C-alpha cells in the first residue's frame, strides 16, 4: 500500500464530508488528536477508537481491512483480526513460520493466495 493510515483517514473523512472537528466530536476526541493522526505526528489509535472510526466512516470489506492494516503498520504491529486468527489457528501459525524459514516472498505468496481463492 502506498498510503499511510493518516492519509487514508483524511481521505475517508473528506469523502464523508466531515471536518476534523466533526469526526473528533463523533468519537469523543479533540480536533488536534485527529489532525495529529492525519499528519502522521501520532500513530493510529487504540483498537476501540479505531473500530469507532471505521464504523463512523462506514468502512466495509477490503476498505475496512486496509484501514486496520494501515493502522497496525503505523503502530508497528499486526492487525488485530489477523493476530486473533493466527493465534487461534495452529495451521496458520505453522504455515507462516514455514514460509518465513523458507524466505517465501512476492510471487510465491501470490501463487499461494490464488490456490486459496480457488477453493
Protein backbone atom coordinates (compact mmCIF):
# COMPACT_ATOMS: atom_id res chain seq x y z
CA UNK A 1 0.00 0.00 0.00
CA UNK A 2 1.32 3.41 -0.93
CA UNK A 3 -0.76 5.34 1.56
CA UNK A 4 -0.33 5.97 5.27
CA UNK A 5 -3.00 5.45 7.88
CA UNK A 6 -3.27 9.21 8.42
CA UNK A 7 -3.75 9.89 4.71
CA UNK A 8 -6.41 7.20 4.44
CA UNK A 9 -8.21 8.63 7.47
CA UNK A 10 -8.11 12.10 5.91
CA UNK A 11 -9.37 10.81 2.55
CA UNK A 12 -12.25 8.82 4.06
CA UNK A 13 -13.22 11.67 6.36
CA UNK A 14 -13.37 14.05 3.38
CA UNK A 15 -15.43 11.54 1.38
CA UNK A 16 -17.97 11.58 4.21
CA UNK A 17 -17.88 15.39 4.15
CA UNK A 18 -16.80 15.54 7.79
CA UNK A 19 -14.47 18.17 9.18
CA UNK A 20 -11.76 17.10 11.61
CA UNK A 21 -13.85 18.72 14.33
CA UNK A 22 -16.97 16.78 13.26
CA UNK A 23 -15.12 13.45 13.40
CA UNK A 24 -13.48 14.37 16.69
CA UNK A 25 -16.85 15.17 18.27
CA UNK A 26 -18.39 11.92 16.99
CA UNK A 27 -15.51 9.99 18.55
CA UNK A 28 -15.27 11.98 21.77
CA UNK A 29 -11.77 13.19 20.85
CA UNK A 30 -10.19 16.57 20.15
CA UNK A 31 -9.71 18.11 16.72
CA UNK A 32 -5.95 18.23 17.32
CA UNK A 33 -5.96 14.48 18.04
CA UNK A 34 -7.49 13.78 14.62
CA UNK A 35 -5.19 16.28 12.89
CA UNK A 36 -2.08 14.78 14.51
CA UNK A 37 -3.03 11.31 13.28
CA UNK A 38 -3.80 12.56 9.76
CA UNK A 39 -0.48 14.44 9.57
CA UNK A 40 1.49 11.47 10.84
CA UNK A 41 2.55 13.03 14.14
CA UNK A 42 0.68 10.35 16.02
CA UNK A 43 0.24 6.63 15.33
CA UNK A 44 -3.16 5.06 14.82
CA UNK A 45 -5.42 4.96 17.88
CA UNK A 46 -6.28 2.01 20.11
CA UNK A 47 -8.41 -0.77 18.69
CA UNK A 48 -11.59 0.54 20.32
CA UNK A 49 -11.17 4.02 18.85
CA UNK A 50 -10.09 2.51 15.54
CA UNK A 51 -13.28 0.43 15.36
CA UNK A 52 -15.35 3.51 16.20
CA UNK A 53 -13.58 5.44 13.43
CA UNK A 54 -14.20 2.67 10.89
CA UNK A 55 -17.86 2.47 11.90
CA UNK A 56 -18.29 6.26 11.79
CA UNK A 57 -16.69 6.37 8.33
CA UNK A 58 -18.87 3.39 7.29
CA UNK A 59 -15.88 1.38 6.05
CA UNK A 60 -16.72 -2.11 4.81
CA UNK A 61 -14.94 -5.11 3.27
CA UNK A 62 -11.48 -4.57 1.78
CA UNK A 63 -11.57 -0.88 2.60
CA UNK A 64 -12.07 -1.69 6.29
CA UNK A 65 -9.32 -4.34 6.12
CA UNK A 66 -6.94 -1.80 4.57
CA UNK A 67 -7.82 0.71 7.29
CA UNK A 68 -6.95 -1.81 10.03
CA UNK A 69 -3.79 -2.95 8.19
CA UNK A 70 -2.53 0.61 7.82
CA UNK A 71 -3.30 1.30 11.47
CA UNK A 72 -1.26 -1.74 12.51
CA UNK A 73 1.61 -0.68 10.22
CA UNK A 74 1.62 2.77 11.80
CA UNK A 75 1.97 1.15 15.23
CA UNK A 76 4.46 -1.49 14.08
CA UNK A 77 2.07 -4.32 14.90
CA UNK A 78 -0.17 -6.81 13.13
CA UNK A 79 -3.87 -6.10 12.55
CA UNK A 80 -5.85 -7.49 15.47
CA UNK A 81 -8.18 -9.58 13.31
CA UNK A 82 -5.15 -11.31 11.76
CA UNK A 83 -3.41 -11.82 15.08
CA UNK A 84 -6.59 -13.34 16.54
CA UNK A 85 -6.94 -15.69 13.55
CA UNK A 86 -3.28 -16.72 13.59
CA UNK A 87 -3.35 -17.32 17.33
CA UNK A 88 -6.50 -19.45 17.13
CA UNK A 89 -5.45 -21.45 14.05
CA UNK A 90 -2.40 -23.66 14.62
CA UNK A 91 -2.02 -24.46 10.90
CA UNK A 92 -1.86 -20.76 10.09
CA UNK A 93 0.98 -20.25 12.59
CA UNK A 94 2.84 -23.28 11.26
CA UNK A 95 2.39 -22.19 7.64
CA UNK A 96 3.61 -18.66 8.32
CA UNK A 97 6.66 -19.97 10.20
CA UNK A 98 7.40 -22.39 7.36
CA UNK A 99 7.11 -19.55 4.84
CA UNK A 100 9.42 -17.40 6.99
CA UNK A 101 12.04 -20.16 7.29
CA UNK A 102 11.93 -20.71 3.54
CA UNK A 103 12.02 -16.97 2.82
CA UNK A 104 8.81 -17.03 0.79
CA UNK A 105 8.36 -13.69 -0.98
CA UNK A 106 6.21 -11.85 -3.55
CA UNK A 107 5.18 -14.18 -6.36
CA UNK A 108 5.26 -17.26 -4.17
CA UNK A 109 2.72 -15.67 -1.82
CA UNK A 110 0.65 -14.60 -4.83
CA UNK A 111 0.57 -18.20 -6.06
CA UNK A 112 -0.43 -19.40 -2.59
CA UNK A 113 -3.19 -16.78 -2.49
CA UNK A 114 -4.51 -17.93 -5.87
CA UNK A 115 -4.60 -21.51 -4.61
CA UNK A 116 -6.67 -20.47 -1.59
CA UNK A 117 -9.08 -18.39 -3.71
CA UNK A 118 -9.77 -21.38 -5.99
CA UNK A 119 -11.07 -23.45 -3.07
